[in-house]
Protein backbone atom coordinates (compact mmCIF):
# COMPACT_ATOMS: atom_id res chain seq x y z
CA UNK A 1 29.10 50.91 47.33
CA UNK A 2 27.73 53.96 49.17
CA UNK A 3 29.82 56.48 49.69
CA UNK A 4 30.78 57.32 53.14
CA UNK A 5 29.62 60.65 54.62
CA UNK A 6 32.44 63.15 54.91
CA UNK A 7 32.83 64.66 58.60
CA UNK A 8 35.28 67.49 59.72
CA UNK A 9 37.44 66.79 62.45
CA UNK A 10 37.53 70.42 64.70
CA UNK A 11 40.59 70.64 66.90
CA UNK A 12 40.09 73.00 69.69
CA UNK A 13 43.42 75.13 70.17
CA UNK A 14 44.52 76.19 73.39
CA UNK A 15 45.58 79.84 74.34
CA UNK A 16 45.79 82.48 77.06
CA UNK A 17 42.95 85.31 77.84
CA UNK A 18 43.92 88.78 77.71
CA UNK A 19 43.67 88.43 81.65
CA UNK A 20 46.35 85.83 81.97
CA UNK A 21 48.34 87.92 79.21
CA UNK A 22 48.68 90.94 81.52
CA UNK A 23 49.52 88.99 84.56
CA UNK A 24 52.36 87.27 82.88
CA UNK A 25 53.38 90.63 81.51
CA UNK A 26 53.10 92.41 85.16
CA UNK A 27 55.45 89.28 86.52
CA UNK A 28 58.09 89.80 83.84
CA UNK A 29 58.47 93.44 84.36
CA UNK A 30 58.49 92.88 87.99
CA UNK A 31 61.74 90.35 87.81
CA UNK A 32 63.62 92.82 85.08
CA UNK A 33 62.84 95.46 87.61
CA UNK A 34 64.83 93.19 90.03
CA UNK A 35 67.52 92.25 88.25
CA UNK A 36 67.70 96.23 86.89
CA UNK A 37 67.84 97.13 90.99
CA UNK A 38 70.37 94.60 91.64
CA UNK A 39 72.49 95.51 89.09
CA UNK A 40 72.32 98.91 89.71
CA UNK A 41 72.99 98.62 93.35
CA UNK A 42 76.18 96.58 92.32
CA UNK A 43 77.15 99.32 89.77
CA UNK A 44 76.62 102.04 92.53
CA UNK A 45 78.42 99.95 95.47
CA UNK A 46 81.28 99.68 93.04
CA UNK A 47 81.75 102.99 92.32
CA UNK A 48 81.49 104.19 95.79
CA UNK A 49 84.14 101.60 96.72
CA UNK A 50 86.37 102.75 93.90
CA UNK A 51 85.84 106.67 94.73
CA UNK A 52 86.64 105.73 98.31
CA UNK A 53 89.94 103.83 97.73
CA UNK A 54 91.24 106.38 95.40
CA UNK A 55 90.17 109.55 98.31
CA UNK A 56 92.42 107.24 100.65
CA UNK A 57 94.81 106.63 98.44
CA UNK A 58 95.32 110.27 97.96
CA UNK A 59 94.63 111.99 101.50
CA UNK A 60 96.19 108.68 103.57
CA UNK A 61 99.17 108.84 101.11
CA UNK A 62 99.75 111.93 101.58
CA UNK A 63 99.60 112.39 105.04
CA UNK A 64 101.67 109.18 105.62
CA UNK A 65 104.39 110.81 103.33
CA UNK A 66 104.53 114.11 105.30
CA UNK A 67 104.63 112.19 108.66
CA UNK A 68 107.45 110.41 107.95
CA UNK A 69 109.16 113.64 106.27
CA UNK A 70 108.63 116.22 108.87
CA UNK A 71 109.63 113.43 111.64
CA UNK A 72 113.27 114.01 110.44
CA UNK A 73 112.79 117.42 110.62
CA UNK A 74 116.71 118.84 111.78
CA UNK A 75 118.60 115.41 111.44
CA UNK A 76 122.14 115.88 110.76
CA UNK A 77 124.79 113.34 110.69
CA UNK A 78 127.06 112.56 113.61
CA UNK A 79 129.49 115.08 112.15
CA UNK A 80 127.33 118.04 113.37
CA UNK A 81 126.56 118.89 117.16
CA UNK A 82 122.92 119.65 118.29
CA UNK A 83 123.97 123.38 118.81
CA UNK A 84 125.66 123.89 115.74
CA UNK A 85 123.62 121.84 113.57
CA UNK A 86 122.91 123.90 109.69
CA UNK A 87 119.81 121.91 109.98
CA UNK A 88 118.07 123.66 112.53
CA UNK A 89 119.37 127.64 112.11
CA UNK A 90 116.43 129.74 112.99
CA UNK A 91 114.55 131.60 110.15
CA UNK A 92 116.32 129.44 107.45
CA UNK A 93 116.51 125.49 108.03
CA UNK A 94 114.59 125.39 111.34
CA UNK A 95 111.04 124.53 111.32
CA UNK A 96 108.89 127.28 109.54
CA UNK A 97 104.83 127.49 109.37
CA UNK A 98 103.97 130.35 107.46
CA UNK A 99 100.91 131.04 105.07
CA UNK A 100 98.40 131.27 107.97
CA UNK A 101 99.53 127.53 109.00
CA UNK A 102 98.78 126.35 105.30
CA UNK A 103 102.86 125.59 105.02
CA UNK A 104 105.59 124.07 106.50
CA UNK A 105 109.57 124.38 105.56
CA UNK A 106 112.14 122.25 107.39
CA UNK A 107 115.72 120.74 106.61
CA UNK A 108 117.37 117.59 107.15
CA UNK A 109 120.48 116.23 106.02
CA UNK A 110 119.78 113.88 103.30
CA UNK A 111 122.87 111.84 102.95
CA UNK A 112 120.44 108.53 101.53
CA UNK A 113 120.63 110.65 97.96
CA UNK A 114 123.49 110.28 95.74
CA UNK A 115 126.18 113.40 95.88
CA UNK A 116 124.66 114.48 98.66
CA UNK A 117 127.21 116.11 101.17
CA UNK A 118 126.89 115.50 104.76
CA UNK A 119 126.77 118.06 107.31
CA UNK A 120 126.41 120.23 104.62
CA UNK A 121 122.91 121.96 103.87
CA UNK A 122 122.18 120.86 99.92
CA UNK A 123 119.70 122.10 97.71
CA UNK A 124 117.98 118.64 98.14
CA UNK A 125 118.15 118.95 102.12
CA UNK A 126 115.32 121.98 102.18
CA UNK A 127 111.97 120.73 101.98
CA UNK A 128 108.44 121.32 102.93
CA UNK A 129 104.83 120.95 102.33
CA UNK A 130 101.44 123.51 101.65
CA UNK A 131 97.93 123.57 100.43
CA UNK A 132 98.26 124.74 96.48
CA UNK A 133 95.84 124.48 93.73
CA UNK A 134 93.51 121.97 95.57
CA UNK A 135 96.32 120.05 96.30
CA UNK A 136 99.16 118.69 98.19
CA UNK A 137 102.28 119.96 97.30
CA UNK A 138 106.11 119.19 97.99
CA UNK A 139 109.05 121.62 97.64
CA UNK A 140 110.46 121.58 94.38
CA UNK A 141 112.83 124.11 94.25
CA UNK A 142 115.52 124.91 96.83
CA UNK A 143 114.36 128.39 96.47
CA UNK A 144 110.45 127.97 96.83
CA UNK A 145 108.82 129.77 100.10
CA UNK A 146 105.63 129.95 101.34
CA UNK A 147 104.63 132.68 99.77
CA UNK A 148 105.56 131.72 95.87
CA UNK A 149 102.48 129.67 94.67
CA UNK A 150 102.13 129.09 90.85
CA UNK A 151 98.95 127.41 89.69
CA UNK A 152 98.60 125.00 87.85
CA UNK A 153 101.03 121.94 89.17
CA UNK A 154 103.82 120.72 87.01
CA UNK A 155 104.55 119.35 84.07
CA UNK A 156 101.59 121.50 82.68
CA UNK A 157 103.55 124.81 84.71
CA UNK A 158 107.61 123.78 84.24
CA UNK A 159 107.87 127.11 86.33
CA UNK A 160 106.55 125.86 89.75
CA UNK A 161 108.61 126.29 92.54
CA UNK A 162 106.18 123.35 93.53
CA UNK A 163 104.83 119.99 92.82
CA UNK A 164 101.65 118.50 93.50
CA UNK A 165 101.68 115.02 95.76
CA UNK A 166 97.92 114.54 95.08
CA UNK A 167 96.23 113.94 91.93
CA UNK A 168 93.99 117.48 91.96
CA UNK A 169 92.25 116.29 88.92
CA UNK A 170 90.52 113.27 90.70
CA UNK A 171 90.66 114.51 94.48
CA UNK A 172 90.37 118.59 95.74
CA UNK A 173 92.30 118.77 99.09
CA UNK A 174 90.29 121.73 100.68
CA UNK A 175 92.25 122.40 103.77
CA UNK A 176 95.82 121.67 105.15
CA UNK A 177 97.19 123.23 108.18
CA UNK A 178 100.36 122.81 110.65
CA UNK A 179 100.54 123.66 113.95
CA UNK A 180 103.15 124.11 116.41
CA UNK A 181 101.31 125.28 119.48
CA UNK A 182 101.53 122.14 121.47
CA UNK A 183 105.56 122.09 121.75
CA UNK A 184 107.19 122.62 124.66
CA UNK A 185 110.24 124.96 125.24
CA UNK A 186 112.33 124.27 128.79
CA UNK A 187 115.09 126.23 129.90
CA UNK A 188 117.32 123.52 131.33
CA UNK A 189 119.61 126.61 133.17
CA UNK A 190 116.64 128.23 134.71
CA UNK A 191 114.35 125.06 134.86
CA UNK A 192 111.28 126.89 133.27
CA UNK A 193 108.85 125.03 130.87
CA UNK A 194 106.83 126.93 128.51
CA UNK A 195 104.07 125.76 125.94
CA UNK A 196 105.07 126.37 122.28
CA UNK A 197 108.48 126.99 120.38
CA UNK A 198 111.11 128.61 121.98
CA UNK A 199 110.88 132.22 121.36
CA UNK A 200 111.73 135.52 123.90
CA UNK A 201 108.12 136.39 123.37
CA UNK A 202 107.23 133.00 124.68
CA UNK A 203 104.84 133.25 127.76
CA UNK A 204 108.15 132.62 130.27
CA UNK A 205 107.29 133.16 134.28
CA UNK A 206 108.11 136.44 135.38
CA UNK A 207 111.77 137.10 135.76
CA UNK A 208 112.36 133.79 134.53
CA UNK A 209 112.76 135.33 130.45
CA UNK A 210 116.09 133.18 128.78
CA UNK A 211 119.40 135.44 129.82
CA UNK A 212 122.67 135.33 127.85
CA UNK A 213 124.18 131.70 127.87
CA UNK A 214 120.93 129.89 128.92
CA UNK A 215 120.24 126.83 127.53
CA UNK A 216 117.04 125.67 125.62
CA UNK A 217 115.70 122.19 125.02
CA UNK A 218 112.91 122.39 122.50
CA UNK A 219 110.63 119.56 121.75
CA UNK A 220 108.86 119.93 118.89
CA UNK A 221 105.34 118.49 118.08
CA UNK A 222 103.47 119.53 114.83
CA UNK A 223 99.77 118.69 114.36
CA UNK A 224 98.83 118.19 111.40
CA UNK A 225 95.29 118.29 109.59
CA UNK A 226 93.99 117.42 106.13
CA UNK A 227 90.40 117.03 104.27
CA UNK A 228 89.65 116.63 101.05
CA UNK A 229 86.96 115.26 98.80
CA UNK A 230 86.25 113.48 95.36
CA UNK A 231 85.84 116.25 92.64
CA UNK A 232 83.50 113.81 90.79
CA UNK A 233 81.48 113.13 93.65
CA UNK A 234 81.84 115.80 96.41
CA UNK A 235 79.71 113.65 98.98
CA UNK A 236 82.73 111.60 99.66
CA UNK A 237 84.93 113.46 102.20
CA UNK A 238 87.92 112.49 103.95
CA UNK A 239 89.60 114.27 106.93
CA UNK A 240 92.80 113.16 109.03
CA UNK A 241 94.36 114.59 111.58
CA UNK A 242 98.03 112.88 113.06
CA UNK A 243 100.41 114.86 115.83
CA UNK A 244 103.90 114.49 114.74
CA UNK A 245 106.53 114.53 117.47
CA UNK A 246 109.92 115.74 115.62
CA UNK A 247 112.48 112.93 116.67
CA UNK A 248 115.42 115.69 116.67
CA UNK A 249 115.46 118.15 120.00
CA UNK A 250 116.38 121.29 118.95
CA UNK A 251 119.27 122.86 121.36
CA UNK A 252 119.59 126.35 122.01
CA UNK A 253 122.43 128.17 123.02
CA UNK A 254 121.22 132.40 124.38
CA UNK A 255 123.21 134.59 122.82
CA UNK A 256 121.81 137.67 124.80
CA UNK A 257 119.26 138.30 127.38
CA UNK A 258 115.89 138.68 126.02
CA UNK A 259 114.33 141.85 126.40
């Protein structure tokens, strides 16, 4: 039997051309770029939301804290009358604004504190707020005045008379101001009214300056303004303004004629 001739069966192998390969790579790169852009947008959005939240927490939190506290200024127990309240003594426990409006000092009877004596000005009754070290600071020492500022904030500085209320490692408080110019002083005896806090130097009408024995009623309105920014992202800024009507009006009995 004759040998059958042997044939080689050649199988044609499929593939892609260089053009097809380049098109595929381009499409893949576009998809990857779209995924990366979406991821970056999500991360950036999360960072902005977190930054805004931290800024709001510090600035809004400090403002709300000050509003509630300043509104109580001058309040005392039922054992003291408005004219003799130890929490409204001029140049002592009464509202004082200093350091070009960056600082406010005041007092009220904090009877909610343990061992706090009612109707008596204890050390804890004296309080205040100011801008310090890029933060909102609260009075930490009964002897603290608007002038004695010492950075950094506690606990790094154990000798400081003020304690930072906001986190100055995260948020920079660029400005904080207190203004009482919208307050009003009413001379009950002479039936006259002037803007601002009661004083002999107020803009009283001609011939209407307070005289000995006159009774004055001082309605105190404190405007507070605060601005700040994130330290890590300075473009993240926030500003707030709040008018605070002090709940306790101050009644003054004039001891001598105003010059």
